[in-house]
Protein backbone atom coordinates (compact mmCIF):
# COMPACT_ATOMS: atom_id res chain seq x y z
CA UNK A 1 -34.97 33.33 -17.98
CA UNK A 2 -31.84 33.42 -16.03
CA UNK A 3 -28.33 33.07 -17.47
CA UNK A 4 -26.32 29.94 -17.16
CA UNK A 5 -23.75 32.00 -15.00
CA UNK A 6 -26.36 33.14 -12.60
CA UNK A 7 -27.77 29.65 -12.08
CA UNK A 8 -24.23 28.35 -11.48
CA UNK A 9 -23.65 31.55 -8.90
CA UNK A 10 -26.69 30.05 -7.00
CA UNK A 11 -26.06 26.41 -7.34
CA UNK A 12 -21.95 26.37 -6.63
CA UNK A 13 -22.36 27.50 -2.89
CA UNK A 14 -25.43 24.96 -2.27
CA UNK A 15 -23.33 22.21 -3.81
CA UNK A 16 -20.22 23.18 -1.89
CA UNK A 17 -22.06 23.12 1.36
CA UNK A 18 -23.60 19.71 0.73
CA UNK A 19 -20.55 18.38 -0.31
CA UNK A 20 -18.82 19.68 2.94
CA UNK A 21 -21.37 18.19 5.05
CA UNK A 22 -21.31 14.87 3.59
CA UNK A 23 -17.49 14.68 3.88
CA UNK A 24 -17.87 15.60 7.57
CA UNK A 25 -19.61 12.18 7.91
CA UNK A 26 -16.62 10.55 6.89
CA UNK A 27 -14.67 8.33 9.44
CA UNK A 28 -11.81 9.87 11.49
CA UNK A 29 -8.17 9.31 10.29
CA UNK A 30 -9.31 9.30 6.64
CA UNK A 31 -9.25 12.61 4.86
CA UNK A 32 -11.99 13.38 2.22
CA UNK A 33 -9.16 13.33 -0.50
CA UNK A 34 -8.02 9.74 0.57
CA UNK A 35 -11.83 8.69 0.64
CA UNK A 36 -12.13 10.17 -2.98
CA UNK A 37 -9.14 8.18 -4.04
CA UNK A 38 -10.29 5.19 -2.72
CA UNK A 39 -13.53 5.51 -4.21
CA UNK A 40 -11.84 5.79 -7.39
CA UNK A 41 -9.76 2.66 -7.15
CA UNK A 42 -13.15 0.94 -5.99
CA UNK A 43 -14.81 1.94 -9.14
CA UNK A 44 -12.11 1.66 -11.64
CA UNK A 45 -9.71 -1.07 -10.20
CA UNK A 46 -6.04 -1.01 -9.76
CA UNK A 47 -4.17 1.63 -11.33
CA UNK A 48 -0.79 3.58 -11.61
CA UNK A 49 -0.10 6.50 -9.42
CA UNK A 50 0.05 8.92 -12.49
CA UNK A 51 -3.34 7.48 -13.60
CA UNK A 52 -4.79 8.05 -10.05
CA UNK A 53 -3.26 11.45 -9.65
CA UNK A 54 -4.99 12.44 -13.08
CA UNK A 55 -8.46 11.10 -11.98
CA UNK A 56 -8.12 12.95 -8.86
CA UNK A 57 -6.76 15.94 -10.38
CA UNK A 58 -3.87 16.20 -8.03
CA UNK A 59 -0.15 16.48 -8.64
CA UNK A 60 1.82 13.30 -8.48
CA UNK A 61 3.88 14.33 -5.16
CA UNK A 62 0.16 14.74 -3.48
CA UNK A 63 -0.97 11.42 -4.67
CA UNK A 64 2.26 9.82 -3.56
CA UNK A 65 1.71 11.13 -0.07
CA UNK A 66 -1.93 10.01 -0.02
CA UNK A 67 -0.96 6.58 -1.22
CA UNK A 68 1.77 6.18 1.45
CA UNK A 69 -0.76 7.16 4.12
CA UNK A 70 -3.50 4.84 2.93
CA UNK A 71 -0.97 1.90 2.46
CA UNK A 72 0.44 2.56 5.97
CA UNK A 73 -3.20 2.11 7.18
CA UNK A 74 -3.56 -1.22 5.38
CA UNK A 75 -6.31 0.35 3.11
CA UNK A 76 -4.43 0.04 -0.15
CA UNK A 77 -1.54 -2.12 -1.56
CA UNK A 78 1.05 -1.54 -4.12
CA UNK A 79 1.09 -4.23 -6.81
CA UNK A 80 4.13 -4.98 -9.06
CA UNK A 81 3.19 -5.19 -12.71
CA UNK A 82 4.24 -8.79 -13.80
CA UNK A 83 5.41 -7.80 -17.19
CA UNK A 84 7.24 -4.63 -16.09
CA UNK A 85 8.56 -4.55 -12.61
CA UNK A 86 9.41 -0.75 -12.90
CA UNK A 87 5.44 -0.04 -13.16
CA UNK A 88 3.62 -0.07 -9.95
CA UNK A 89 -0.19 -0.15 -9.55
CA UNK A 90 -2.39 0.49 -6.31
CA UNK A 91 -5.45 -1.25 -5.44
CA UNK A 92 -7.96 -1.18 -2.61
CA UNK A 93 -7.59 -3.85 0.12
CA UNK A 94 -10.35 -5.73 1.79
CA UNK A 95 -10.10 -3.35 4.79
CA UNK A 96 -10.02 -0.26 2.60
CA UNK A 97 -13.42 -1.50 0.86
CA UNK A 98 -15.06 -1.86 4.20
CA UNK A 99 -14.15 1.53 5.29
CA UNK A 100 -15.22 2.93 2.00
CA UNK A 101 -18.50 1.29 2.09
CA UNK A 102 -18.97 2.25 6.01
CA UNK A 103 -18.18 5.90 4.89
CA UNK A 104 -20.54 5.88 2.05
CA UNK A 105 -23.34 4.41 4.29
CA UNK A 106 -22.78 6.99 6.87
CA UNK A 107 -23.16 9.87 4.07
CA UNK A 108 -26.18 8.08 2.44
CA UNK A 109 -27.91 8.09 5.84
CA UNK A 110 -27.13 11.64 6.57
CA UNK A 111 -28.51 12.53 3.10
CA UNK A 112 -31.62 10.30 3.53
CA UNK A 113 -32.49 12.25 6.82
CA UNK A 114 -32.20 15.42 4.94
CA UNK A 115 -34.33 14.28 2.16
CA UNK A 116 -37.07 12.97 4.16
CA UNK A 117 -38.13 16.49 5.11
CA UNK A 118 -39.04 16.85 1.58
CA UNK A 119 -42.63 16.76 -0.05
CA UNK A 120 -43.14 13.91 -2.36
CA UNK A 121 -42.87 16.59 -5.39
CA UNK A 122 -39.68 17.99 -3.97
CA UNK A 123 -38.27 14.47 -3.82
CA UNK A 124 -39.12 13.88 -7.47
CA UNK A 125 -37.58 17.06 -8.54
CA UNK A 126 -34.45 16.12 -6.71
CA UNK A 127 -34.17 12.83 -8.13
CA UNK A 128 -34.50 14.24 -11.65
CA UNK A 129 -31.98 17.01 -10.72
CA UNK A 130 -29.74 14.28 -9.63
CA UNK A 131 -29.67 12.47 -13.10
CA UNK A 132 -29.05 15.76 -14.87
CA UNK A 133 -26.04 16.63 -12.51
CA UNK A 134 -24.51 13.14 -12.88
CA UNK A 135 -24.52 13.84 -16.69
CA UNK A 136 -22.88 17.10 -16.20
CA UNK A 137 -20.11 15.41 -14.18
CA UNK A 138 -19.89 12.16 -16.49
CA UNK A 139 -19.67 14.29 -19.60
CA UNK A 140 -16.92 16.51 -18.32
CA UNK A 141 -13.72 16.34 -20.51
CA UNK A 142 -11.07 14.30 -18.62
CA UNK A 143 -7.58 14.92 -18.08
CA UNK A 144 -4.67 13.56 -20.16
CA UNK A 145 -1.88 11.48 -18.82
CA UNK A 146 1.31 10.17 -20.15
CA UNK A 147 -0.70 6.73 -20.38
CA UNK A 148 -3.50 8.36 -22.63
CA UNK A 149 -7.02 9.23 -21.77
CA UNK A 150 -7.92 8.25 -18.19
């Protein structure tokens, strides 16, 4: 039986190549990092820049530049907190949601085309592996922020 390190060494470059190919299906003008931030906002709803930076595992200046670019493109908007005007949250706009859904559809189509070459048994294996990989990601410890766990 192979060690977890040996399996990780084989799996890492494969996941990396697949991830790059899926990102390449994204739309012009929006970076993979920006799409990832938009997906976080879509999934978790409006949040502060600090919480978004923690969720995306980037530094606050990086998320500020990303948010500025997305806001300039009309894909997200900044919302003032009604209870504390010093707090700013960001949220997807309707245009941002449409663009994210379009990018996801393009990536899904690409992946479906690749999966179509598999045998039924191979497809079942990939389906089972997807559930296991999802668990690895979901059970990963999340970063702490000044607002608490994210």
